Amino acid sequence: MEKTWGVEFRNVGSCYFPQSRVDCHYTINPQHTWASNDWIGLFKVGWSSIKDYHTFVWAVAPSSYKEGTSVNCCVNFQ
């Protein structure tokens, strides 16, 4: 049985320049249950542990979000 992921990332770059702004676009599917501790991280190349992130931002639910629906989101890394 194949696992259905709750988040789909879109337009992910293969590399980013240091000190540049990164916009992370993603879609939450209807099966995802939002939690107050959801976060999105940028990870080092070749990461092997959840602790290998470079930076992270909290993934806050949009004000228009209704549980059980799909929603497009974006977070910004400065």
N, C-alpha and C. Protein backbone atom coordinates (compact mmCIF):
# COMPACT_ATOMS: atom_id res chain seq x y z
N MET A 1 0.84 -1.17 0.00
CA MET A 1 0.00 0.00 0.00
C MET A 1 0.89 1.24 0.00
N GLU A 2 0.63 2.16 -0.91
CA GLU A 2 1.44 3.37 -1.03
C GLU A 2 0.94 4.44 -0.07
N LYS A 3 1.90 5.10 0.60
CA LYS A 3 1.54 6.16 1.55
C LYS A 3 1.15 7.42 0.79
N THR A 4 0.07 8.06 1.19
CA THR A 4 -0.34 9.34 0.62
C THR A 4 0.23 10.45 1.49
N TRP A 5 1.03 11.33 0.88
CA TRP A 5 1.63 12.42 1.62
C TRP A 5 0.65 13.56 1.77
N GLY A 6 0.68 14.24 2.88
CA GLY A 6 -0.23 15.34 3.16
C GLY A 6 0.22 16.65 2.56
N VAL A 7 1.49 16.72 2.13
CA VAL A 7 2.05 17.96 1.60
C VAL A 7 2.75 17.67 0.28
N GLU A 8 2.50 18.51 -0.71
CA GLU A 8 3.20 18.41 -2.00
C GLU A 8 3.92 19.74 -2.25
N PHE A 9 5.25 19.68 -2.37
CA PHE A 9 6.03 20.89 -2.64
C PHE A 9 6.08 21.12 -4.14
N ARG A 10 6.01 22.39 -4.54
CA ARG A 10 5.98 22.75 -5.96
C ARG A 10 7.15 23.68 -6.29
N ASN A 11 7.65 23.57 -7.53
CA ASN A 11 8.70 24.45 -8.04
C ASN A 11 9.92 24.49 -7.12
N VAL A 12 10.38 23.32 -6.70
CA VAL A 12 11.54 23.25 -5.82
C VAL A 12 12.80 23.38 -6.66
N GLY A 13 13.65 24.32 -6.30
CA GLY A 13 14.90 24.53 -7.02
C GLY A 13 15.93 23.47 -6.66
N SER A 14 16.89 23.28 -7.55
CA SER A 14 17.95 22.31 -7.27
C SER A 14 19.05 22.92 -6.40
N CYS A 15 19.14 24.25 -6.39
CA CYS A 15 20.09 24.93 -5.50
C CYS A 15 19.62 26.36 -5.28
N TYR A 16 20.10 26.96 -4.21
CA TYR A 16 19.75 28.33 -3.87
C TYR A 16 21.03 29.06 -3.47
N PHE A 17 21.09 30.35 -3.75
CA PHE A 17 22.27 31.14 -3.42
C PHE A 17 22.19 31.63 -1.98
N PRO A 18 23.33 31.62 -1.29
CA PRO A 18 23.33 32.14 0.08
C PRO A 18 22.84 33.59 0.12
N GLN A 19 22.19 33.95 1.19
CA GLN A 19 21.68 35.31 1.42
C GLN A 19 20.58 35.72 0.45
N SER A 20 19.97 34.76 -0.26
CA SER A 20 18.87 35.10 -1.15
C SER A 20 17.55 34.66 -0.53
N ARG A 21 16.49 35.32 -0.91
CA ARG A 21 15.15 34.97 -0.41
C ARG A 21 14.69 33.71 -1.14
N VAL A 22 14.09 32.79 -0.41
CA VAL A 22 13.56 31.56 -0.98
C VAL A 22 12.08 31.49 -0.65
N ASP A 23 11.25 31.40 -1.69
CA ASP A 23 9.81 31.21 -1.52
C ASP A 23 9.53 29.72 -1.68
N CYS A 24 8.89 29.14 -0.71
CA CYS A 24 8.58 27.71 -0.72
C CYS A 24 7.07 27.55 -0.90
N HIS A 25 6.67 27.07 -2.08
CA HIS A 25 5.25 26.88 -2.40
C HIS A 25 4.89 25.41 -2.19
N TYR A 26 3.75 25.19 -1.58
CA TYR A 26 3.31 23.82 -1.33
C TYR A 26 1.80 23.75 -1.25
N THR A 27 1.28 22.54 -1.42
CA THR A 27 -0.16 22.29 -1.34
C THR A 27 -0.41 21.28 -0.22
N ILE A 28 -1.38 21.59 0.61
CA ILE A 28 -1.82 20.68 1.66
C ILE A 28 -3.04 19.93 1.11
N ASN A 29 -3.01 18.59 1.16
CA ASN A 29 -4.15 17.85 0.64
C ASN A 29 -5.21 17.64 1.72
N PRO A 30 -6.41 17.24 1.34
CA PRO A 30 -7.52 17.14 2.30
C PRO A 30 -7.28 16.16 3.45
N GLN A 31 -6.38 15.18 3.28
CA GLN A 31 -6.13 14.20 4.33
C GLN A 31 -5.19 14.74 5.43
N HIS A 32 -4.56 15.87 5.18
CA HIS A 32 -3.62 16.43 6.16
C HIS A 32 -4.38 17.08 7.31
N THR A 33 -3.89 16.84 8.52
CA THR A 33 -4.44 17.51 9.69
C THR A 33 -3.40 18.50 10.17
N TRP A 34 -3.73 19.77 10.14
CA TRP A 34 -2.79 20.82 10.50
C TRP A 34 -2.51 20.77 12.00
N ALA A 35 -1.25 20.95 12.37
CA ALA A 35 -0.86 20.97 13.78
C ALA A 35 -0.11 22.27 14.06
N SER A 36 -0.19 22.74 15.28
CA SER A 36 0.45 24.01 15.62
C SER A 36 1.97 23.92 15.57
N ASN A 37 2.52 22.69 15.54
CA ASN A 37 3.97 22.53 15.49
C ASN A 37 4.47 22.14 14.10
N ASP A 38 3.67 22.34 13.04
CA ASP A 38 4.11 22.08 11.67
C ASP A 38 5.16 23.11 11.28
N TRP A 39 6.24 22.65 10.64
CA TRP A 39 7.29 23.55 10.18
C TRP A 39 7.85 23.05 8.86
N ILE A 40 8.51 23.95 8.15
CA ILE A 40 9.16 23.61 6.88
C ILE A 40 10.61 24.04 7.01
N GLY A 41 11.51 23.13 6.65
CA GLY A 41 12.93 23.41 6.79
C GLY A 41 13.68 23.32 5.49
N LEU A 42 14.79 24.02 5.42
CA LEU A 42 15.75 23.87 4.34
C LEU A 42 16.87 22.99 4.89
N PHE A 43 17.17 21.94 4.16
CA PHE A 43 18.14 20.95 4.63
C PHE A 43 19.43 20.99 3.83
N LYS A 44 20.50 20.58 4.48
CA LYS A 44 21.81 20.47 3.85
C LYS A 44 21.76 19.36 2.81
N VAL A 45 22.55 19.50 1.74
CA VAL A 45 22.66 18.45 0.73
C VAL A 45 23.14 17.17 1.40
N GLY A 46 22.50 16.07 1.11
CA GLY A 46 22.91 14.79 1.67
C GLY A 46 22.46 14.57 3.10
N TRP A 47 21.46 15.30 3.55
CA TRP A 47 21.01 15.18 4.94
C TRP A 47 20.59 13.75 5.26
N SER A 48 20.79 13.36 6.50
CA SER A 48 20.43 12.01 6.92
C SER A 48 19.62 12.00 8.22
N SER A 49 19.44 13.18 8.79
CA SER A 49 18.71 13.28 10.05
C SER A 49 17.85 14.54 10.02
N ILE A 50 16.74 14.50 10.71
CA ILE A 50 15.87 15.66 10.82
C ILE A 50 16.61 16.84 11.45
N LYS A 51 17.70 16.56 12.16
CA LYS A 51 18.50 17.61 12.80
C LYS A 51 19.46 18.30 11.82
N ASP A 52 19.52 17.84 10.57
CA ASP A 52 20.44 18.40 9.57
C ASP A 52 19.87 19.62 8.84
N TYR A 53 18.83 20.24 9.37
CA TYR A 53 18.26 21.40 8.70
C TYR A 53 19.17 22.62 8.85
N HIS A 54 19.12 23.50 7.86
CA HIS A 54 19.88 24.74 7.92
C HIS A 54 19.08 25.83 8.64
N THR A 55 17.81 25.92 8.29
CA THR A 55 16.89 26.87 8.92
C THR A 55 15.47 26.35 8.74
N PHE A 56 14.54 26.91 9.48
CA PHE A 56 13.14 26.51 9.34
C PHE A 56 12.22 27.69 9.62
N VAL A 57 10.97 27.55 9.18
CA VAL A 57 9.92 28.51 9.51
C VAL A 57 8.68 27.72 9.91
N TRP A 58 7.88 28.30 10.77
CA TRP A 58 6.62 27.66 11.17
C TRP A 58 5.64 27.74 10.01
N ALA A 59 4.93 26.68 9.76
CA ALA A 59 3.93 26.62 8.70
C ALA A 59 2.57 26.92 9.32
N VAL A 60 2.19 28.18 9.28
CA VAL A 60 0.94 28.62 9.89
C VAL A 60 -0.20 28.43 8.88
N ALA A 61 -1.32 27.93 9.35
CA ALA A 61 -2.47 27.73 8.48
C ALA A 61 -3.00 29.07 7.98
N PRO A 62 -3.30 29.17 6.67
CA PRO A 62 -3.89 30.41 6.16
C PRO A 62 -5.23 30.69 6.84
N SER A 63 -5.60 31.94 6.95
CA SER A 63 -6.85 32.30 7.62
C SER A 63 -8.08 31.70 6.92
N SER A 64 -7.96 31.44 5.62
CA SER A 64 -9.09 30.90 4.86
C SER A 64 -9.14 29.37 4.88
N TYR A 65 -8.21 28.74 5.58
CA TYR A 65 -8.12 27.28 5.58
C TYR A 65 -9.30 26.63 6.29
N LYS A 66 -9.87 25.61 5.64
CA LYS A 66 -10.92 24.81 6.23
C LYS A 66 -10.45 23.36 6.20
N GLU A 67 -10.40 22.71 7.38
CA GLU A 67 -9.92 21.33 7.46
C GLU A 67 -10.70 20.43 6.52
N GLY A 68 -9.99 19.51 5.86
CA GLY A 68 -10.62 18.59 4.92
C GLY A 68 -10.63 19.10 3.50
N THR A 69 -9.98 20.24 3.24
CA THR A 69 -9.91 20.79 1.88
C THR A 69 -8.44 20.94 1.49
N SER A 70 -8.19 21.05 0.20
CA SER A 70 -6.85 21.35 -0.29
C SER A 70 -6.61 22.86 -0.19
N VAL A 71 -5.37 23.23 0.06
CA VAL A 71 -5.04 24.65 0.13
C VAL A 71 -3.60 24.85 -0.36
N ASN A 72 -3.39 25.89 -1.15
CA ASN A 72 -2.05 26.27 -1.60
C ASN A 72 -1.46 27.25 -0.60
N CYS A 73 -0.19 27.04 -0.26
CA CYS A 73 0.47 27.85 0.75
C CYS A 73 1.86 28.28 0.26
N CYS A 74 2.43 29.25 0.95
CA CYS A 74 3.78 29.69 0.66
C CYS A 74 4.40 30.21 1.95
N VAL A 75 5.64 29.81 2.19
CA VAL A 75 6.43 30.38 3.29
C VAL A 75 7.68 30.99 2.68
N ASN A 76 8.23 31.97 3.37
CA ASN A 76 9.41 32.68 2.86
C ASN A 76 10.58 32.50 3.81
N PHE A 77 11.71 32.18 3.22
CA PHE A 77 12.97 32.12 3.96
C PHE A 77 13.76 33.34 3.57
N GLN A 78 14.18 34.14 4.54
CA GLN A 78 14.95 35.37 4.25
C GLN A 78 16.43 35.09 4.29
